[in-house]
Amino acid sequence: QLQLVESGGGLVQPGGSLRLSCAASGFPLRYYAIGWFRQAPGKEREGVSCITRTGGDTYYADSVKGRFTISRDNAKNTVNLQMNSLKPEDTAVYYCAARGFSPVQAVCVTSTYDYWGQGTQVTVSS
């Protein structure tokens, strides 16, 4: 059974940066497409950024384009999300998720992901 653990969340001031990491155990991460999702209080969970199994394609939500970068290191069994120029509206619990079927194009639809981590809190506030 694939298990995912997120790390790197915390409190940061507006304009600051954080780097989230998703570590996998139980199965090699290279077999899965990976996504980062977030959920703010009172809102639905939304796709932030996703990457295909090979890393050949990525997706970014419009709200984070140009500020966030997703990357994967299959040798280390990790996927990272570099978040720059953070805004208060980025405040949410961030989740890492994996899906076994990886199309050529990155897909960032919540319901298509099979495995989920417990989440890490990101708070952007002065």
Foldseek 3Di string as FASTA:
>chain_A
DKAKAKDWADEAAQQAKIKMKIAIPDDQQLQWKKWKWWDDPPDDIFTAKIAFSVRQEMDGDPVQPPFWDWDDDRVRRMIMIIGGRDDQVVWTWMKMFIARDGDPYTDRDPVRTDYIYPTDTHGYHD
